[in-house]
């Protein structure tokens, strides 16, 4: 009985581990993403992508809905405030001197794939 239970535990662990991509894989995918709007794509490329497509940064990766899910549960106002003031390792404004409030909102929605949250 113990052997069967151990095998089942290992099988379930292997299945769950293989179903979730690692940060390196997610970062490689994030590096290929750009907002469809040319202005936002330029802002994203010069400010956001440096961290949000870098597996080592600790930032939630662009398109990683799992990483963004709990952040969205706090609400869009909290996400915007954290972006503007800085949060954890993120500098205030994400070092985007050209971003407007609507730009930040659109970039947050893009990075978090918010249409699907």
N, C-alpha and C. Protein backbone atom coordinates (compact mmCIF):
# COMPACT_ATOMS: atom_id res chain seq x y z
N UNK A 1 0.83 -1.20 0.00
CA UNK A 1 0.00 0.00 0.00
C UNK A 1 0.87 1.25 0.00
N UNK A 2 1.91 1.26 0.86
CA UNK A 2 2.79 2.42 0.94
C UNK A 2 3.48 2.69 -0.39
N UNK A 3 3.90 1.63 -1.08
CA UNK A 3 4.57 1.76 -2.37
C UNK A 3 3.65 2.39 -3.40
N UNK A 4 2.39 1.97 -3.42
CA UNK A 4 1.42 2.52 -4.38
C UNK A 4 1.15 4.00 -4.07
N UNK A 5 1.04 4.32 -2.80
CA UNK A 5 0.81 5.71 -2.41
C UNK A 5 2.00 6.58 -2.77
N UNK A 6 3.21 6.08 -2.55
CA UNK A 6 4.41 6.82 -2.91
C UNK A 6 4.50 7.04 -4.42
N UNK A 7 4.17 6.01 -5.19
CA UNK A 7 4.21 6.14 -6.65
C UNK A 7 3.18 7.16 -7.12
N UNK A 8 1.99 7.12 -6.52
CA UNK A 8 0.95 8.08 -6.89
C UNK A 8 1.38 9.50 -6.55
N UNK A 9 2.01 9.68 -5.41
CA UNK A 9 2.50 11.00 -5.01
C UNK A 9 3.54 11.52 -6.00
N UNK A 10 4.49 10.65 -6.38
CA UNK A 10 5.50 11.05 -7.36
C UNK A 10 4.88 11.38 -8.71
N UNK A 11 3.91 10.60 -9.14
CA UNK A 11 3.24 10.84 -10.41
C UNK A 11 2.52 12.18 -10.40
N UNK A 12 1.80 12.45 -9.32
CA UNK A 12 1.09 13.73 -9.22
C UNK A 12 2.06 14.90 -9.17
N UNK A 13 3.16 14.76 -8.48
CA UNK A 13 4.16 15.82 -8.42
C UNK A 13 4.76 16.07 -9.79
N UNK A 14 5.03 15.01 -10.52
CA UNK A 14 5.60 15.16 -11.87
C UNK A 14 4.62 15.84 -12.79
N UNK A 15 3.34 15.47 -12.68
CA UNK A 15 2.33 16.09 -13.54
C UNK A 15 2.18 17.58 -13.24
N UNK A 16 2.15 17.93 -11.96
CA UNK A 16 1.98 19.34 -11.62
C UNK A 16 3.21 20.14 -12.00
N UNK A 17 4.38 19.56 -11.86
CA UNK A 17 5.60 20.28 -12.21
C UNK A 17 5.70 20.50 -13.71
N UNK A 18 5.27 19.55 -14.51
CA UNK A 18 5.39 19.68 -15.95
C UNK A 18 4.31 20.59 -16.53
N UNK A 19 3.22 20.80 -15.80
CA UNK A 19 2.15 21.64 -16.35
C UNK A 19 2.43 23.13 -16.16
N UNK A 20 3.31 23.48 -15.26
CA UNK A 20 3.61 24.89 -15.01
C UNK A 20 4.98 25.22 -15.60
N UNK A 21 5.02 26.13 -16.60
CA UNK A 21 6.32 26.49 -17.17
C UNK A 21 7.19 27.23 -16.16
N UNK A 22 8.49 27.07 -16.27
CA UNK A 22 9.38 27.76 -15.34
C UNK A 22 9.57 29.22 -15.79
N UNK A 23 10.17 30.02 -14.90
CA UNK A 23 10.33 31.46 -15.19
C UNK A 23 11.20 31.72 -16.41
N UNK A 24 12.17 30.85 -16.67
CA UNK A 24 13.03 31.05 -17.84
C UNK A 24 12.21 30.90 -19.12
N UNK A 25 11.35 29.91 -19.16
CA UNK A 25 10.49 29.70 -20.33
C UNK A 25 9.51 30.86 -20.48
N UNK A 26 8.92 31.27 -19.37
CA UNK A 26 7.98 32.39 -19.40
C UNK A 26 8.68 33.68 -19.83
N UNK A 27 9.90 33.89 -19.36
CA UNK A 27 10.65 35.10 -19.72
C UNK A 27 10.97 35.12 -21.21
N UNK A 28 11.31 33.96 -21.76
CA UNK A 28 11.60 33.88 -23.19
C UNK A 28 10.36 34.24 -24.00
N UNK A 29 9.21 33.78 -23.56
CA UNK A 29 7.95 34.14 -24.24
C UNK A 29 7.65 35.62 -24.05
N UNK A 30 7.87 36.13 -22.85
CA UNK A 30 7.59 37.55 -22.56
C UNK A 30 8.46 38.46 -23.41
N UNK A 31 9.68 38.05 -23.69
CA UNK A 31 10.60 38.87 -24.48
C UNK A 31 10.11 39.06 -25.91
N UNK A 32 9.21 38.19 -26.35
CA UNK A 32 8.69 38.27 -27.72
C UNK A 32 7.41 39.10 -27.82
N UNK A 33 6.83 39.45 -26.68
CA UNK A 33 5.55 40.15 -26.67
C UNK A 33 5.73 41.66 -26.75
N UNK A 34 4.84 42.30 -27.48
CA UNK A 34 4.79 43.76 -27.55
C UNK A 34 3.33 44.20 -27.62
N UNK A 35 3.01 45.32 -27.00
CA UNK A 35 1.64 45.84 -27.17
C UNK A 35 1.40 46.16 -28.65
N UNK A 36 0.18 46.02 -29.12
CA UNK A 36 -0.10 46.30 -30.53
C UNK A 36 0.04 47.78 -30.90
N UNK A 37 -0.16 48.67 -29.94
CA UNK A 37 -0.04 50.11 -30.18
C UNK A 37 1.45 50.49 -30.24
N UNK A 38 1.85 51.18 -31.29
CA UNK A 38 3.27 51.51 -31.50
C UNK A 38 3.86 52.33 -30.36
N UNK A 39 3.11 53.32 -29.86
CA UNK A 39 3.63 54.15 -28.75
C UNK A 39 3.85 53.30 -27.50
N UNK A 40 2.86 52.47 -27.17
CA UNK A 40 3.00 51.60 -25.99
C UNK A 40 4.12 50.58 -26.18
N UNK A 41 4.26 50.08 -27.39
CA UNK A 41 5.34 49.12 -27.67
C UNK A 41 6.70 49.78 -27.43
N UNK A 42 6.84 51.03 -27.82
CA UNK A 42 8.09 51.75 -27.60
C UNK A 42 8.34 51.96 -26.11
N UNK A 43 7.32 52.38 -25.39
CA UNK A 43 7.46 52.58 -23.94
C UNK A 43 7.79 51.26 -23.25
N UNK A 44 7.08 50.22 -23.60
CA UNK A 44 7.32 48.90 -23.01
C UNK A 44 8.76 48.44 -23.28
N UNK A 45 9.21 48.59 -24.51
CA UNK A 45 10.56 48.14 -24.90
C UNK A 45 11.65 48.88 -24.15
N UNK A 46 11.43 50.15 -23.86
CA UNK A 46 12.47 50.97 -23.23
C UNK A 46 12.39 51.03 -21.70
N UNK A 47 11.28 50.58 -21.13
CA UNK A 47 11.16 50.67 -19.67
C UNK A 47 10.74 49.33 -19.05
N UNK A 48 9.61 48.83 -19.42
CA UNK A 48 9.01 47.68 -18.74
C UNK A 48 9.71 46.35 -19.02
N UNK A 49 10.04 46.12 -20.28
CA UNK A 49 10.54 44.80 -20.70
C UNK A 49 11.84 44.43 -19.98
N UNK A 50 12.64 45.42 -19.61
CA UNK A 50 13.91 45.11 -18.93
C UNK A 50 13.72 44.22 -17.71
N UNK A 51 12.67 44.42 -16.99
CA UNK A 51 12.41 43.60 -15.80
C UNK A 51 11.30 42.57 -16.03
N UNK A 52 10.26 42.95 -16.75
CA UNK A 52 9.09 42.09 -16.89
C UNK A 52 9.26 41.01 -17.95
N UNK A 53 10.45 40.91 -18.54
CA UNK A 53 10.79 39.79 -19.43
C UNK A 53 12.14 39.21 -19.02
N UNK A 54 12.49 39.38 -17.75
CA UNK A 54 13.76 38.92 -17.22
C UNK A 54 13.48 37.97 -16.05
N UNK A 55 13.78 36.70 -16.25
CA UNK A 55 13.47 35.69 -15.24
C UNK A 55 14.14 35.97 -13.90
N UNK A 56 15.31 36.60 -13.92
CA UNK A 56 16.06 36.84 -12.68
C UNK A 56 15.59 38.08 -11.92
N UNK A 57 14.73 38.89 -12.52
CA UNK A 57 14.35 40.16 -11.90
C UNK A 57 13.43 40.02 -10.69
N UNK A 58 12.65 38.97 -10.65
CA UNK A 58 11.66 38.82 -9.58
C UNK A 58 10.36 39.54 -9.88
N UNK A 59 10.32 40.34 -10.95
CA UNK A 59 9.10 41.04 -11.35
C UNK A 59 8.13 40.04 -11.97
N UNK A 60 6.82 40.31 -11.86
CA UNK A 60 5.88 39.44 -12.57
C UNK A 60 6.14 39.55 -14.07
N UNK A 61 6.25 38.42 -14.73
CA UNK A 61 6.60 38.42 -16.14
C UNK A 61 5.40 38.76 -17.02
N UNK A 62 5.66 39.45 -18.09
CA UNK A 62 4.61 39.81 -19.04
C UNK A 62 3.94 38.54 -19.54
N UNK A 63 2.62 38.53 -19.48
CA UNK A 63 1.85 37.40 -19.97
C UNK A 63 1.69 36.26 -18.98
N UNK A 64 2.33 36.33 -17.82
CA UNK A 64 2.23 35.28 -16.81
C UNK A 64 1.00 35.56 -15.95
N UNK A 65 -0.14 35.10 -16.44
CA UNK A 65 -1.40 35.39 -15.77
C UNK A 65 -1.42 34.90 -14.32
N UNK A 66 -0.76 33.79 -14.06
CA UNK A 66 -0.70 33.25 -12.70
C UNK A 66 -0.03 34.25 -11.75
N UNK A 67 1.09 34.82 -12.18
CA UNK A 67 1.83 35.77 -11.35
C UNK A 67 1.04 37.06 -11.12
N UNK A 68 0.23 37.44 -12.08
CA UNK A 68 -0.51 38.69 -11.98
C UNK A 68 -1.87 38.53 -11.29
N UNK A 69 -2.36 37.30 -11.20
CA UNK A 69 -3.71 37.08 -10.69
C UNK A 69 -3.96 37.71 -9.32
N UNK A 70 -3.12 37.40 -8.34
CA UNK A 70 -3.32 37.95 -6.99
C UNK A 70 -3.14 39.46 -6.97
N UNK A 71 -2.29 39.97 -7.83
CA UNK A 71 -2.11 41.43 -7.92
C UNK A 71 -3.40 42.09 -8.39
N UNK A 72 -4.06 41.48 -9.38
CA UNK A 72 -5.32 42.04 -9.88
C UNK A 72 -6.42 41.96 -8.83
N UNK A 73 -6.36 40.97 -7.97
CA UNK A 73 -7.39 40.87 -6.93
C UNK A 73 -7.34 42.06 -5.99
N UNK A 74 -6.19 42.72 -5.90
CA UNK A 74 -6.08 43.93 -5.08
C UNK A 74 -6.72 45.13 -5.77
N UNK A 75 -6.91 45.03 -7.07
CA UNK A 75 -7.58 46.08 -7.83
C UNK A 75 -6.64 46.90 -8.67
N UNK A 76 -7.16 47.47 -9.76
CA UNK A 76 -6.34 48.24 -10.67
C UNK A 76 -5.76 49.51 -10.04
N UNK A 77 -6.47 50.09 -9.08
CA UNK A 77 -5.94 51.29 -8.42
C UNK A 77 -4.68 50.99 -7.62
N UNK A 78 -4.64 49.84 -6.97
CA UNK A 78 -3.46 49.43 -6.21
C UNK A 78 -2.30 49.16 -7.17
N UNK A 79 -2.57 48.48 -8.26
CA UNK A 79 -1.52 48.23 -9.26
C UNK A 79 -0.93 49.54 -9.79
N UNK A 80 -1.80 50.48 -10.10
CA UNK A 80 -1.33 51.77 -10.60
C UNK A 80 -0.54 52.52 -9.53
N UNK A 81 -1.03 52.54 -8.30
CA UNK A 81 -0.33 53.22 -7.22
C UNK A 81 1.06 52.59 -7.00
N UNK A 82 1.12 51.27 -6.97
CA UNK A 82 2.40 50.59 -6.79
C UNK A 82 3.37 50.92 -7.93
N UNK A 83 2.84 51.03 -9.12
CA UNK A 83 3.68 51.38 -10.27
C UNK A 83 4.22 52.80 -10.12
N UNK A 84 3.38 53.71 -9.75
CA UNK A 84 3.78 55.12 -9.64
C UNK A 84 4.74 55.35 -8.47
N UNK A 85 4.49 54.69 -7.34
CA UNK A 85 5.30 54.91 -6.14
C UNK A 85 6.51 53.99 -6.07
N UNK A 86 6.46 52.91 -6.82
CA UNK A 86 7.49 51.87 -6.71
C UNK A 86 7.02 50.83 -5.72
N UNK A 87 7.45 49.61 -5.94
CA UNK A 87 6.98 48.52 -5.08
C UNK A 87 8.02 47.42 -5.09
N UNK A 88 8.38 46.93 -3.91
CA UNK A 88 9.45 45.94 -3.78
C UNK A 88 10.67 46.47 -4.53
N UNK A 89 11.17 45.76 -5.52
CA UNK A 89 12.36 46.19 -6.25
C UNK A 89 12.08 47.13 -7.40
N UNK A 90 10.81 47.41 -7.67
CA UNK A 90 10.47 48.27 -8.81
C UNK A 90 10.65 49.74 -8.43
N UNK A 91 11.41 50.46 -9.24
CA UNK A 91 11.57 51.89 -8.96
C UNK A 91 10.28 52.65 -9.28
N UNK A 92 10.11 53.79 -8.67
CA UNK A 92 8.92 54.61 -8.91
C UNK A 92 8.76 54.88 -10.39
N UNK A 93 7.56 54.65 -10.87
CA UNK A 93 7.25 54.89 -12.27
C UNK A 93 7.89 53.90 -13.22
N UNK A 94 8.54 52.88 -12.69
CA UNK A 94 9.21 51.92 -13.55
C UNK A 94 10.27 52.56 -14.43
N UNK A 95 10.75 53.71 -14.00
CA UNK A 95 11.74 54.50 -14.74
C UNK A 95 11.27 54.86 -16.14
N UNK A 96 9.97 55.09 -16.26
CA UNK A 96 9.40 55.50 -17.55
C UNK A 96 9.03 56.98 -17.46
N UNK A 97 9.97 57.83 -17.81
CA UNK A 97 9.76 59.28 -17.71
C UNK A 97 8.72 59.78 -18.70
N UNK A 98 8.50 59.05 -19.78
CA UNK A 98 7.55 59.50 -20.82
C UNK A 98 6.15 58.95 -20.63
N UNK A 99 5.95 58.07 -19.66
CA UNK A 99 4.64 57.44 -19.48
C UNK A 99 3.65 58.40 -18.82
N UNK A 100 2.44 58.41 -19.37
CA UNK A 100 1.32 59.13 -18.78
C UNK A 100 0.51 58.14 -17.94
N UNK A 101 -0.44 58.64 -17.17
CA UNK A 101 -1.30 57.73 -16.40
C UNK A 101 -2.02 56.73 -17.31
N UNK A 102 -2.60 57.18 -18.44
CA UNK A 102 -3.23 56.19 -19.33
C UNK A 102 -2.22 55.19 -19.90
N UNK A 103 -0.98 55.63 -20.14
CA UNK A 103 0.05 54.70 -20.61
C UNK A 103 0.31 53.62 -19.57
N UNK A 104 0.51 54.04 -18.31
CA UNK A 104 0.75 53.07 -17.24
C UNK A 104 -0.40 52.07 -17.15
N UNK A 105 -1.61 52.56 -17.19
CA UNK A 105 -2.78 51.68 -17.10
C UNK A 105 -2.79 50.68 -18.24
N UNK A 106 -2.55 51.15 -19.45
CA UNK A 106 -2.55 50.27 -20.62
C UNK A 106 -1.40 49.26 -20.55
N UNK A 107 -0.24 49.70 -20.09
CA UNK A 107 0.91 48.80 -19.99
C UNK A 107 0.70 47.73 -18.93
N UNK A 108 0.11 48.10 -17.81
CA UNK A 108 -0.20 47.13 -16.76
C UNK A 108 -1.17 46.09 -17.31
N UNK A 109 -2.20 46.55 -18.00
CA UNK A 109 -3.19 45.62 -18.58
C UNK A 109 -2.52 44.70 -19.59
N UNK A 110 -1.65 45.25 -20.42
CA UNK A 110 -0.95 44.43 -21.40
C UNK A 110 -0.08 43.37 -20.72
N UNK A 111 0.76 43.81 -19.80
CA UNK A 111 1.70 42.88 -19.16
C UNK A 111 0.99 41.77 -18.39
N UNK A 112 -0.12 42.11 -17.78
CA UNK A 112 -0.83 41.13 -16.96
C UNK A 112 -1.85 40.32 -17.75
N UNK A 113 -2.01 40.64 -19.03
CA UNK A 113 -3.00 39.95 -19.85
C UNK A 113 -4.37 40.10 -19.18
N UNK A 114 -4.65 41.34 -18.75
CA UNK A 114 -5.81 41.62 -17.89
C UNK A 114 -7.15 41.30 -18.53
N UNK A 115 -7.23 41.29 -19.83
CA UNK A 115 -8.50 40.98 -20.46
C UNK A 115 -8.97 39.57 -20.07
N UNK A 116 -8.04 38.75 -19.63
CA UNK A 116 -8.37 37.37 -19.30
C UNK A 116 -8.34 37.09 -17.80
N UNK A 117 -8.18 38.12 -16.97
CA UNK A 117 -8.12 37.91 -15.52
C UNK A 117 -9.52 37.77 -14.97
